[in-house]
Amino acid sequence: MKQRKIPLRKCTGCNEMKNKKEMIRIVRDQEGNFSLDFHGKKPGRGAYICPNKACLTQAEKNKGLERSFKMAVDKSIYEQLRKEFDNYDGE
């Protein structure tokens, strides 16, 4: 039996390749709103990040989200994502 290929994604913070299911997706919808997508089902352009705050801070520092979304990302968006991250219970 053939082994299935495991989808890998690169974290925008630490730039490590990891299993897609281990990561959290950050989504920008058509209106330009950003949100965390814990299940990978929301529509819109996505970027992946490890499930820890250090990677989110690193993504802000090295402009990882700006590169992924090809647009400027305001500091208030990072604060909003941090608040959503605080409410995340690891489901």
Foldseek 3Di string as FASTA:
>chain_A
DDDDDFDWAAALQPRDIDGPLQWWKWFQAPVRAIEIDNPPDDDHQIHIHGLDVNSLVSCVVVVSVCVRVVHDDDVVNSVVHVVNSVVDPPD
